[in-house]
Protein backbone atom coordinates (compact mmCIF):
# COMPACT_ATOMS: atom_id res chain seq x y z
CA MET A 1 -12.71 -34.08 62.41
CA ARG A 2 -9.89 -31.45 63.43
CA LYS A 3 -9.30 -30.74 66.93
CA SER A 4 -6.88 -28.12 68.66
CA ALA A 5 -3.79 -29.31 70.44
CA ALA A 6 -5.52 -28.13 73.83
CA ALA A 7 -8.48 -30.33 73.14
CA LEU A 8 -6.21 -33.17 72.19
CA CYS A 9 -4.41 -33.36 75.48
CA GLY A 10 -7.24 -32.52 77.75
CA ALA A 11 -10.40 -33.96 76.63
CA ALA A 12 -12.46 -36.68 78.00
CA VAL A 13 -12.14 -40.25 76.53
CA VAL A 14 -15.32 -42.24 75.83
CA MET A 15 -15.23 -45.79 76.37
CA ALA A 16 -15.76 -48.10 73.74
CA GLY A 17 -18.73 -50.09 73.42
CA THR A 18 -18.54 -54.03 74.57
CA PHE A 19 -17.60 -56.53 71.54
CA THR A 20 -17.41 -60.12 71.50
CA ALA A 21 -14.18 -62.21 71.45
CA ILE A 22 -13.59 -64.24 68.20
CA PRO A 23 -15.21 -67.47 68.70
CA ALA A 24 -13.17 -70.70 68.53
CA GLU A 25 -13.95 -71.89 64.93
CA ALA A 26 -12.15 -68.76 63.81
CA GLY A 27 -8.81 -69.80 65.35
CA ALA A 28 -8.81 -68.03 68.85
CA PRO A 29 -5.78 -68.79 71.07
CA GLY A 30 -5.79 -72.01 72.17
CA THR A 31 -7.78 -73.88 69.62
CA ALA A 32 -4.94 -74.94 67.20
CA ASN A 33 -2.32 -77.35 67.67
CA THR A 34 1.20 -75.88 67.04
CA VAL A 35 3.69 -77.53 64.63
CA ARG A 36 7.51 -76.56 64.16
CA THR A 37 8.03 -74.65 61.25
CA ALA A 38 11.23 -74.64 58.84
CA LYS A 39 13.58 -71.62 58.91
CA PRO A 40 13.18 -69.37 56.01
CA ALA A 41 15.83 -69.85 53.29
CA TRP A 42 17.16 -66.41 52.72
CA ARG A 43 18.26 -65.23 48.97
CA SER A 44 19.35 -62.16 47.67
CA CYS A 45 16.29 -60.24 46.03
CA ALA A 46 18.29 -56.82 45.97
CA THR A 47 16.95 -53.83 44.26
CA GLU A 48 18.64 -50.58 43.29
CA ASP A 49 16.71 -48.84 46.36
CA HIS A 50 17.30 -51.85 48.67
CA PRO A 51 20.85 -53.48 47.92
CA THR A 52 20.43 -55.81 51.16
CA LEU A 53 16.91 -56.96 50.43
CA GLN A 54 16.46 -60.69 50.88
CA CYS A 55 13.58 -63.05 50.20
CA ALA A 56 12.18 -66.34 51.25
CA SER A 57 8.92 -68.37 51.72
CA LEU A 58 7.42 -70.14 54.46
CA LYS A 59 4.69 -72.79 54.27
CA VAL A 60 1.54 -72.40 56.98
CA PRO A 61 -1.39 -74.37 57.07
CA LEU A 62 -4.52 -73.22 55.11
CA ASP A 63 -6.41 -73.98 58.76
CA HIS A 64 -4.37 -73.40 61.72
CA ARG A 65 -6.66 -75.75 63.62
CA ARG A 66 -5.71 -78.52 61.34
CA PRO A 67 -1.53 -78.00 61.39
CA HIS A 68 -1.01 -81.09 59.32
CA GLY A 69 -3.37 -80.49 56.54
CA GLN A 70 -3.45 -78.13 53.50
CA LYS A 71 -0.42 -75.77 53.41
CA ILE A 72 -0.08 -72.29 51.88
CA THR A 73 2.69 -70.15 51.10
CA LEU A 74 3.64 -66.93 52.54
CA ALA A 75 6.25 -64.83 50.50
CA LEU A 76 8.69 -62.94 53.18
CA SER A 77 11.23 -60.41 52.79
CA ARG A 78 14.31 -59.07 54.99
CA VAL A 79 16.73 -56.42 55.51
CA PRO A 80 19.03 -58.27 58.16
CA HIS A 81 20.37 -56.14 61.05
CA THR A 82 24.21 -55.25 60.97
CA ALA A 83 24.71 -53.86 64.54
CA ARG A 84 26.26 -55.86 67.17
CA THR A 85 22.96 -54.89 69.45
CA TYR A 86 20.25 -57.24 68.18
CA GLN A 87 16.51 -56.14 69.00
CA GLY A 88 14.93 -58.90 66.96
CA PRO A 89 12.73 -59.02 63.87
CA LEU A 90 10.57 -55.85 63.19
CA LEU A 91 7.58 -57.09 61.10
CA VAL A 92 5.83 -54.42 58.95
CA ASN A 93 2.86 -54.38 57.36
CA PRO A 94 1.35 -51.85 54.79
CA GLY A 95 -2.23 -52.15 55.47
CA GLY A 96 -4.95 -53.03 52.78
CA PRO A 97 -6.27 -55.85 53.59
CA GLY A 98 -4.56 -56.85 50.54
CA GLY A 99 -1.15 -54.72 50.59
CA SER A 100 1.83 -56.34 49.52
CA GLY A 101 4.55 -55.90 52.34
CA LEU A 102 7.67 -57.47 50.71
CA THR A 103 8.94 -53.89 49.51
CA LEU A 104 7.95 -52.02 52.66
CA ALA A 105 10.83 -54.07 54.62
CA GLY A 106 13.32 -52.30 52.25
CA PHE A 107 11.50 -48.75 52.64
CA VAL A 108 11.17 -48.71 56.51
CA ALA A 109 15.14 -50.20 57.03
CA SER A 110 16.20 -47.10 54.67
CA SER A 111 13.99 -44.75 56.28
CA LEU A 112 14.70 -45.39 59.82
CA PRO A 113 17.77 -43.66 61.43
CA ALA A 114 20.73 -46.18 60.26
CA LYS A 115 21.77 -46.59 63.91
CA VAL A 116 17.97 -47.76 64.64
CA ALA A 117 17.17 -49.96 61.64
CA ALA A 118 20.84 -51.77 62.00
CA GLN A 119 19.51 -53.39 65.06
CA TYR A 120 16.67 -55.14 63.64
CA ASP A 121 16.01 -57.84 61.01
CA VAL A 122 12.96 -55.78 59.27
CA ILE A 123 10.89 -58.24 58.07
CA GLY A 124 8.25 -57.77 55.42
CA PHE A 125 5.54 -60.41 54.22
CA ASP A 126 2.71 -60.90 51.79
CA PRO A 127 -0.21 -61.90 53.72
CA ARG A 128 -2.37 -65.04 52.60
CA GLY A 129 -3.67 -64.52 49.27
CA VAL A 130 -1.65 -61.33 48.49
CA GLY A 131 1.23 -60.87 45.71
CA ALA A 132 3.88 -63.30 45.67
CA SER A 133 2.18 -65.62 48.66
CA GLU A 134 0.58 -68.70 47.03
CA PRO A 135 -2.30 -69.12 46.19
CA ALA A 136 -2.65 -65.36 45.30
CA LEU A 137 -6.34 -64.29 44.80
CA ASP A 138 -7.67 -62.69 41.44
CA CYS A 139 -11.43 -63.31 41.73
CA ARG A 140 -12.29 -61.49 38.59
CA PRO A 141 -9.69 -59.85 36.40
CA GLY A 142 -10.55 -56.54 34.99
CA HIS A 143 -13.45 -55.93 37.30
CA PHE A 144 -12.38 -52.11 37.61
CA ASP A 145 -11.88 -51.80 33.82
CA ALA A 146 -13.21 -48.63 32.46
CA VAL A 147 -15.92 -47.42 31.80
CA ARG A 148 -17.80 -48.63 34.86
CA PRO A 149 -21.66 -47.51 35.78
CA ASP A 150 -21.97 -44.41 37.33
CA SER A 151 -21.62 -44.91 41.05
CA LEU A 152 -24.31 -42.69 41.85
CA PRO A 153 -27.57 -44.82 41.46
CA THR A 154 -29.90 -42.11 40.08
CA THR A 155 -32.17 -44.52 38.25
CA PRO A 156 -33.00 -48.19 38.85
CA ALA A 157 -31.37 -49.27 35.87
CA ILE A 158 -27.90 -47.50 37.05
CA GLU A 159 -28.43 -49.44 40.47
CA LYS A 160 -29.01 -52.60 39.16
CA ALA A 161 -25.77 -52.23 36.76
CA ASN A 162 -23.85 -51.62 40.01
CA LEU A 163 -25.41 -54.26 41.98
CA ASP A 164 -24.80 -57.05 39.07
CA ARG A 165 -21.04 -56.29 39.26
CA ALA A 166 -21.32 -56.57 43.06
CA ARG A 167 -22.93 -59.84 42.59
CA ALA A 168 -20.88 -61.34 40.22
CA PHE A 169 -17.47 -60.18 41.94
CA ALA A 170 -18.62 -62.20 44.97
CA ALA A 171 -20.04 -65.24 42.85
CA ALA A 172 -16.70 -65.16 40.99
CA CYS A 173 -14.72 -65.35 44.12
CA GLY A 174 -16.83 -68.13 45.59
CA LYS A 175 -16.64 -70.26 42.41
CA LYS A 176 -12.88 -70.15 42.12
CA TYR A 177 -11.86 -69.79 45.85
CA GLY A 178 -14.52 -71.37 47.87
CA HIS A 179 -12.13 -73.66 49.57
CA LEU A 180 -10.09 -70.60 50.58
CA LEU A 181 -12.32 -67.85 51.44
CA PRO A 182 -13.30 -69.45 54.99
CA TYR A 183 -9.61 -68.76 55.69
CA ILE A 184 -9.00 -65.38 54.18
CA ASP A 185 -9.51 -63.05 57.36
CA THR A 186 -7.56 -61.17 59.96
CA PRO A 187 -7.45 -64.08 62.85
CA SER A 188 -5.77 -66.48 60.19
CA ALA A 189 -3.26 -63.87 59.04
CA VAL A 190 -2.40 -63.22 62.72
CA ARG A 191 -1.69 -66.83 63.11
CA ASP A 192 0.58 -66.65 59.90
CA MET A 193 2.49 -63.80 61.86
CA ASP A 194 3.08 -65.98 64.67
CA ALA A 195 4.11 -68.81 62.53
CA ILE A 196 6.81 -66.37 61.11
CA ARG A 197 7.72 -65.53 64.41
CA GLN A 198 8.51 -69.20 65.05
CA ALA A 199 10.14 -69.69 61.73
CA LEU A 200 12.64 -66.89 62.85
CA GLY A 201 13.28 -68.55 66.01
CA ALA A 202 12.18 -65.30 67.97
CA GLN A 203 10.41 -65.58 71.39
CA LYS A 204 8.86 -62.41 70.53
CA ILE A 205 8.43 -59.77 67.54
CA ASN A 206 8.37 -56.11 67.18
CA TYR A 207 5.64 -54.83 64.90
CA PHE A 208 5.08 -51.82 62.94
CA GLY A 209 1.81 -51.55 60.85
CA TYR A 210 0.03 -48.81 58.99
CA SER A 211 -3.73 -48.46 58.34
CA TYR A 212 -5.52 -51.62 58.34
CA GLY A 213 -1.83 -53.06 59.59
CA THR A 214 -2.91 -51.44 62.72
CA TYR A 215 -5.73 -53.73 63.27
CA LEU A 216 -3.53 -56.82 62.17
CA GLY A 217 -0.97 -55.75 64.96
CA ALA A 218 -3.87 -55.27 67.70
CA VAL A 219 -5.56 -58.50 66.91
CA TYR A 220 -2.15 -60.10 67.28
CA ALA A 221 -1.22 -58.54 70.44
CA GLY A 222 -4.69 -59.85 71.60
CA PHE A 223 -3.97 -63.14 70.56
CA PHE A 224 -0.67 -63.13 71.81
CA PRO A 225 0.31 -60.24 74.25
CA GLU A 226 3.42 -62.26 75.92
CA ARG A 227 4.86 -62.62 72.49
CA VAL A 228 4.83 -58.77 71.55
CA ARG A 229 8.04 -56.99 72.61
CA ARG A 230 7.37 -53.41 70.59
CA LEU A 231 4.07 -51.95 68.76
CA VAL A 232 3.91 -49.34 66.26
CA LEU A 233 0.58 -48.38 64.93
CA ASP A 234 0.32 -45.85 62.45
CA SER A 235 -3.03 -44.20 61.32
CA VAL A 236 -5.07 -46.49 63.62
CA VAL A 237 -8.35 -48.56 62.43
CA ASP A 238 -10.99 -48.07 65.19
CA PRO A 239 -10.99 -51.77 66.43
CA THR A 240 -14.74 -51.55 67.77
CA ASP A 241 -15.88 -50.35 64.36
CA VAL A 242 -15.00 -53.06 61.48
CA TRP A 243 -16.11 -52.84 58.85
CA ASP A 244 -19.50 -51.80 57.93
CA GLU A 245 -19.66 -48.84 59.93
CA ALA A 246 -16.15 -47.67 59.55
CA ASN A 247 -16.62 -47.36 55.92
CA LEU A 248 -19.64 -45.02 56.48
CA ASN A 249 -17.75 -43.03 58.82
CA GLN A 250 -14.83 -42.92 56.20
CA ASP A 251 -17.32 -41.40 53.65
CA ILE A 252 -17.73 -37.97 55.90
CA ALA A 253 -14.22 -37.75 56.44
CA PHE A 254 -13.23 -38.00 52.75
CA ASP A 255 -15.86 -35.46 52.06
CA ASP A 256 -14.07 -33.06 54.42
CA ARG A 257 -10.72 -34.05 53.09
CA HIS A 258 -12.09 -33.45 49.70
CA ARG A 259 -13.14 -29.88 50.51
CA ALA A 260 -9.69 -29.24 52.06
CA PHE A 261 -8.18 -30.16 48.69
CA LEU A 262 -10.49 -27.60 46.96
CA ALA A 263 -9.96 -25.09 49.39
CA TRP A 264 -6.04 -25.40 48.72
CA VAL A 265 -6.95 -25.09 45.06
CA ALA A 266 -8.70 -21.68 45.78
CA GLU A 267 -5.44 -20.49 47.81
CA HIS A 268 -3.43 -21.07 44.41
CA ASP A 269 -5.69 -19.38 42.19
CA ALA A 270 -2.92 -17.86 40.31
CA THR A 271 -1.61 -21.33 39.03
CA TYR A 272 -4.76 -23.15 38.47
CA ARG A 273 -7.30 -20.23 37.45
CA LEU A 274 -10.57 -21.90 39.19
CA GLY A 275 -11.30 -19.14 41.38
CA THR A 276 -10.69 -18.14 44.75
CA ASP A 277 -14.17 -19.27 46.21
CA PRO A 278 -13.93 -23.15 47.43
CA GLU A 279 -17.72 -23.68 47.18
CA LYS A 280 -17.91 -22.48 43.67
CA ILE A 281 -14.68 -24.64 43.11
CA GLU A 282 -16.83 -27.40 44.41
CA ALA A 283 -19.61 -26.91 42.19
CA THR A 284 -17.31 -26.80 39.42
CA TRP A 285 -15.79 -30.03 40.36
CA TYR A 286 -19.35 -31.61 40.33
CA ALA A 287 -20.12 -30.15 37.24
CA MET A 288 -17.05 -31.93 35.53
CA ARG A 289 -18.48 -35.16 37.20
CA THR A 290 -21.73 -34.52 35.58
CA ALA A 291 -19.95 -33.89 32.45
CA LEU A 292 -17.73 -36.94 32.55
CA ALA A 293 -20.89 -39.37 33.30
CA LYS A 294 -22.15 -38.33 29.62
CA LYS A 295 -19.04 -37.95 27.87
CA PRO A 296 -15.82 -40.09 29.42
CA ALA A 297 -12.71 -38.12 29.06
CA GLY A 298 -10.52 -39.97 26.49
CA GLY A 299 -13.32 -42.73 26.54
CA THR A 300 -11.81 -44.12 29.85
CA VAL A 301 -12.77 -41.40 32.47
CA GLY A 302 -15.97 -41.51 33.18
CA ALA A 303 -17.91 -40.32 36.60
CA SER A 304 -16.96 -43.76 38.40
CA GLU A 305 -13.19 -43.09 37.12
CA LEU A 306 -13.28 -39.68 38.14
CA GLU A 307 -13.80 -40.50 41.66
CA ASP A 308 -11.20 -43.19 41.60
CA THR A 309 -8.46 -40.59 40.34
CA PHE A 310 -9.43 -37.99 43.15
CA ILE A 311 -9.90 -40.51 46.19
CA PRO A 312 -6.20 -40.84 46.43
CA GLY A 313 -5.92 -36.96 47.29
CA GLY A 314 -7.71 -37.95 50.38
CA TYR A 315 -5.01 -40.20 51.27
CA TYR A 316 -1.96 -38.08 50.73
CA ASN A 317 -1.82 -34.28 49.76
CA GLY A 318 1.45 -34.80 47.73
CA TYR A 319 -1.34 -35.74 45.02
CA TRP A 320 -3.06 -32.49 45.20
CA PRO A 321 -0.84 -30.44 42.52
CA ALA A 322 -1.17 -33.26 40.02
CA LEU A 323 -4.96 -33.61 40.80
CA ALA A 324 -5.57 -29.67 40.55
CA GLU A 325 -3.51 -29.66 37.17
CA ALA A 326 -5.69 -32.30 35.68
CA PHE A 327 -8.91 -30.31 37.00
CA ALA A 328 -7.88 -27.16 35.58
CA ALA A 329 -6.91 -28.33 32.26
CA TYR A 330 -10.38 -30.04 31.77
CA VAL A 331 -12.04 -26.94 32.91
CA ASN A 332 -9.98 -23.97 31.82
CA ASP A 333 -8.49 -25.64 28.17
CA LYS A 334 -10.89 -28.17 27.57
CA ASP A 335 -7.93 -30.72 27.48
CA PRO A 336 -8.65 -34.27 28.81
CA GLU A 337 -5.62 -35.55 28.43
CA PRO A 338 -4.16 -34.76 32.00
CA LEU A 339 -7.22 -36.03 33.57
CA VAL A 340 -6.56 -39.08 31.77
CA GLU A 341 -2.89 -39.46 32.65
CA ALA A 342 -3.87 -38.68 36.48
CA TYR A 343 -6.40 -41.42 35.98
CA GLU A 344 -3.78 -43.78 34.86
CA ASP A 345 -1.55 -42.59 37.94
CA PHE A 346 -4.04 -42.70 40.72
CA GLY A 347 -7.26 -44.55 39.91
CA ALA A 348 -6.73 -47.26 37.02
CA VAL A 349 -6.37 -50.79 38.48
CA ASP A 350 -3.75 -53.52 37.33
CA ALA A 351 -3.44 -56.98 37.95
CA SER A 352 -2.00 -56.23 41.19
CA GLY A 353 -4.68 -53.97 41.94
CA ASP A 354 -7.19 -56.77 41.23
CA ASN A 355 -5.41 -59.16 43.62
CA GLY A 356 -5.37 -56.54 46.33
CA TYR A 357 -9.27 -55.83 45.71
CA SER A 358 -9.79 -59.65 46.03
CA VAL A 359 -8.04 -60.04 49.38
CA TYR A 360 -9.64 -56.78 50.40
CA THR A 361 -13.17 -58.04 50.01
CA SER A 362 -12.23 -61.40 51.05
CA VAL A 363 -11.12 -60.07 54.69
CA GLN A 364 -13.72 -57.35 55.08
CA CYS A 365 -16.67 -59.77 54.11
CA ARG A 366 -15.19 -62.39 56.40
CA ASP A 367 -13.89 -60.49 59.08
CA ALA A 368 -17.31 -58.86 60.24
CA ALA A 369 -21.21 -59.15 59.38
CA TRP A 370 -22.51 -56.85 56.94
CA PRO A 371 -26.27 -56.23 56.06
CA ARG A 372 -27.26 -58.80 53.61
CA ASP A 373 -30.50 -56.86 52.71
CA TRP A 374 -29.95 -54.13 49.80
CA LYS A 375 -32.51 -52.08 51.31
CA GLN A 376 -30.46 -51.22 54.28
CA TRP A 377 -27.53 -50.31 52.06
CA ARG A 378 -29.81 -48.20 50.16
CA LYS A 379 -30.85 -46.67 52.97
CA ASP A 380 -27.53 -45.95 54.84
CA ASN A 381 -25.76 -44.83 51.89
CA TRP A 382 -28.23 -42.25 50.67
CA ALA A 383 -28.57 -40.88 54.26
CA VAL A 384 -24.73 -40.54 54.41
CA TYR A 385 -24.60 -38.98 50.80
CA GLY A 386 -26.97 -36.04 51.83
CA LYS A 387 -23.94 -35.04 54.10
CA ALA A 388 -21.02 -36.16 52.16
CA PRO A 389 -21.48 -36.93 48.23
CA PHE A 390 -17.96 -37.14 47.43
CA MET A 391 -17.14 -40.60 48.08
CA THR A 392 -20.23 -42.35 49.48
CA TRP A 393 -21.50 -44.22 46.69
CA SER A 394 -18.01 -45.24 45.11
CA ASN A 395 -17.29 -46.65 48.86
CA ALA A 396 -20.87 -48.49 48.73
CA TRP A 397 -20.08 -50.32 45.50
CA TYR A 398 -16.40 -51.08 46.37
CA ASN A 399 -18.02 -53.01 49.39
CA ALA A 400 -20.96 -54.38 47.92
CA PRO A 401 -19.95 -57.70 47.09
CA CYS A 402 -20.11 -58.32 51.12
CA ALA A 403 -23.85 -58.10 50.73
CA PHE A 404 -23.49 -61.21 48.82
CA TRP A 405 -20.59 -62.90 49.97
CA PRO A 406 -20.66 -66.67 49.79
CA THR A 407 -19.10 -67.22 53.27
CA GLY A 408 -20.19 -66.53 56.70
CA SER A 409 -18.71 -64.18 59.06
CA LEU A 410 -16.93 -64.00 62.09
CA ARG A 411 -17.53 -61.78 65.18
CA PRO A 412 -15.16 -58.71 65.63
CA VAL A 413 -12.17 -59.11 67.95
CA ASN A 414 -11.92 -57.50 71.20
CA VAL A 415 -8.60 -56.14 71.12
CA ALA A 416 -8.74 -54.58 74.69
CA ASN A 417 -5.38 -55.57 76.35
CA GLY A 418 -3.66 -54.87 79.78
CA LYS A 419 -1.04 -57.13 79.28
CA LEU A 420 1.07 -55.45 76.59
CA PRO A 421 4.23 -53.81 76.85
CA PRO A 422 4.03 -49.73 76.23
CA ALA A 423 2.58 -49.38 72.57
CA LEU A 424 3.10 -46.41 70.16
CA LEU A 425 0.12 -45.35 68.43
CA PHE A 426 0.45 -42.39 65.50
CA GLN A 427 -2.63 -40.37 64.18
CA ALA A 428 -3.11 -37.45 61.99
CA THR A 429 -6.24 -35.32 63.36
CA GLY A 430 -7.67 -35.28 59.56
CA ASP A 431 -6.81 -38.31 58.46
CA ALA A 432 -10.02 -39.73 56.51
CA ALA A 433 -9.08 -43.00 55.86
CA THR A 434 -8.95 -43.89 59.69
CA PRO A 435 -10.62 -41.03 61.23
CA TYR A 436 -8.95 -39.44 64.44
CA GLU A 437 -11.47 -40.94 66.97
CA GLY A 438 -10.73 -44.39 66.11
CA ALA A 439 -7.07 -43.62 67.48
CA VAL A 440 -8.28 -42.65 70.78
CA THR A 441 -10.40 -45.78 71.16
CA ALA A 442 -7.24 -48.05 70.39
CA HIS A 443 -5.31 -45.78 72.48
CA ARG A 444 -7.81 -46.31 75.59
CA LEU A 445 -8.14 -50.20 74.94
CA LEU A 446 -4.38 -50.57 74.55
CA ALA A 447 -3.54 -50.32 78.34
CA ARG A 448 -0.06 -48.16 78.77
CA SER A 449 0.05 -47.14 75.09
CA SER A 450 0.83 -43.80 74.01
CA LEU A 451 -0.55 -41.66 71.23
CA VAL A 452 1.20 -39.05 69.33
CA VAL A 453 -0.90 -36.77 67.28
CA GLU A 454 -0.17 -34.69 64.12
CA GLU A 455 -2.30 -31.76 64.75
CA GLY A 456 -3.86 -30.30 61.48
CA GLY A 457 -2.53 -33.36 59.38
CA GLY A 458 -4.97 -35.28 57.06
CA ASN A 459 -2.41 -37.59 55.39
CA HIS A 460 -2.93 -41.19 56.11
CA GLY A 461 0.44 -42.89 56.98
CA ILE A 462 2.38 -40.23 58.94
CA THR A 463 5.54 -41.38 59.96
CA LEU A 464 8.67 -41.89 57.63
CA SER A 465 7.08 -39.39 55.46
CA GLY A 466 9.18 -36.28 56.36
CA ASN A 467 7.75 -34.75 59.68
CA ALA A 468 10.84 -34.78 61.93
CA CYS A 469 9.01 -34.55 65.24
CA LEU A 470 6.88 -37.96 64.58
CA ASP A 471 10.13 -39.55 63.37
CA GLU A 472 11.93 -38.76 66.56
CA HIS A 473 9.50 -40.40 68.90
CA LEU A 474 9.67 -43.54 66.35
CA ALA A 475 13.09 -43.56 66.56
CA ALA A 476 13.27 -43.17 70.32
CA TYR A 477 10.81 -45.93 70.79
CA LEU A 478 12.61 -48.60 68.60
CA THR A 479 15.76 -47.55 70.21
CA ASP A 480 15.02 -48.39 73.97
CA GLY A 481 11.25 -48.33 74.40
CA THR A 482 10.89 -44.73 75.49
CA VAL A 483 7.12 -43.45 74.89
CA PRO A 484 5.80 -40.03 75.41
CA ARG A 485 3.44 -39.65 78.47
CA GLY A 486 0.72 -37.12 78.70
CA HIS A 487 -2.52 -36.40 80.00
CA GLY A 488 -5.84 -36.76 77.94
CA GLU A 489 -6.31 -38.14 74.47
CA ALA A 490 -2.88 -37.29 73.20
CA ASP A 491 0.48 -37.92 75.09
CA ALA A 492 2.38 -35.74 72.40
CA VAL A 493 1.52 -33.31 69.58
CA CYS A 494 3.66 -32.63 66.36
CA GLU A 495 2.66 -29.90 64.16
CA ALA A 496 1.52 -31.04 60.58
CA LEU A 497 4.11 -30.39 57.79
CA PRO A 498 2.51 -27.67 55.58
CA ASP A 499 0.26 -28.33 52.67
CA PRO A 500 2.25 -28.77 49.16
CA GLU A 501 3.02 -25.91 47.04
CA PRO A 502 2.01 -26.32 43.32
CA ALA A 503 5.32 -26.84 42.81
CA ALA A 504 8.14 -28.05 45.22
CA ALA A 505 9.83 -24.66 46.28
CA THR A 506 13.15 -25.94 47.94
CA ALA A 507 15.18 -29.13 47.85
CA LYS A 508 13.96 -29.76 51.32
CA ALA A 509 10.42 -29.62 50.69
CA ALA A 510 11.36 -31.91 47.39
CA SER A 511 12.82 -34.41 49.55
CA ALA A 512 10.05 -34.62 52.21
CA SER A 513 7.27 -35.24 49.36
CA SER A 514 9.55 -37.86 47.64
CA ASN A 515 9.82 -39.81 50.81
CA GLY A 516 6.07 -39.38 51.28
CA SER A 517 5.21 -40.16 47.98
CA ALA A 518 7.28 -43.50 48.25
CA LEU A 519 5.60 -44.32 51.51
CA HIS A 520 2.28 -43.73 50.09
CA GLY A 521 3.02 -45.64 47.06
CA LEU A 522 3.56 -48.68 49.18
CA LEU A 523 0.45 -48.14 51.30
CA GLY A 524 -1.93 -47.80 48.31
CA PHE A 525 -5.72 -47.03 48.74
CA ARG A 526 -8.79 -48.21 50.22
CA HIS A 527 -7.29 -49.11 53.53
């Protein structure tokens, strides 16, 4: 997954395979009548961290082919521009699908250089079905309540228990939201974004998306290239790989990232006392998993919950110290409490998580076809598990409702685009959630785009997270459209920040960690 800077700047790029454009019934450009939308009525929803944050709502058609039919409501947020120079709205999205973007507007506005942020209305939004938008989906409250069946289906009974959960979730979604599910998908969300643009009175939008938000932005740019002014994509989804194959590729990348965490634990044996051999520490981790499958820690952290707890470490290494402390306490001191606390901090799913998962499945299962024969899932996931055991079956069950989803599926969108102004892409070489190769593909498909690579980095979501080199490229682009131009896969390479210490040793490290933690708290997991 990791590549050298020399390879990044000189390796050949393989063109992605051919994909089919979205069918007309999914809301492709030109298939819907447009209606004039009312301007948002902004009101203060200030917080201590974001004192100028404003909120509003916007009604949009459930089905954009029927603009005068049933309406749904989108929740919006805004940090208004303050500079005399105004560059228009900057829509921001944290990914998911299913992530709430309302607070992200405040984070982006406060994390960009003040002179840059002051030139934009930074606009957050909860996509259809999410958070404060109405209706908000919650298919099966408590679906992730502990203790769940072991994710590893080593017996027919365990496999059946997990399959029953997946079927029950899909059936619950169909029963509660059958009239909505055909419209919870990326193309519909893209049309919502254009309704936001129109309501804001803007001819063009600027867009900044993380993770799944990169796919959302790429599809918007494909539908409406003439309405894109600037486009920033951070931690880039492979747009030719949605969504079944993408999840199998994630499994391998997350296994690599988990091993990087275990190697980091080995480097800090003086603190964690788990040994200096990463392979032996890995064996200890899996022994812990086996023990928890038999006796959950605190009655709540079984094998599946342990995976939920440690998967976030694959997204962001700022969580590694807390995870290592919990691991060490359980193994060395026979103390389960830190592990339970880590689960509550990183793995447990609350009501907003139930909502996010409901939208996640709705979009992923609708956007593209998934295997409907469980035998194919079993074959594919056991094959990957043999190479990458850490997350494979956890990820399989997370997406398994798609095998039983009550709606039909769309075809993937071809985002190849030669009509856009220069776009700016950011990617870490060791990102597990959106592996590096996907950014290379998107860079190739989006003509005139530039790719900035964080060499040696493994975090998911890398701008506005403490790396000054990355943030300088971002600020230059948002200031006047400047993009780096190189030769090969990468147009610019930034060195990754060092992995964390067991405790922040300096004020500078603590500050960078704080900003990174704030961002990753907004991005969430499973993008």
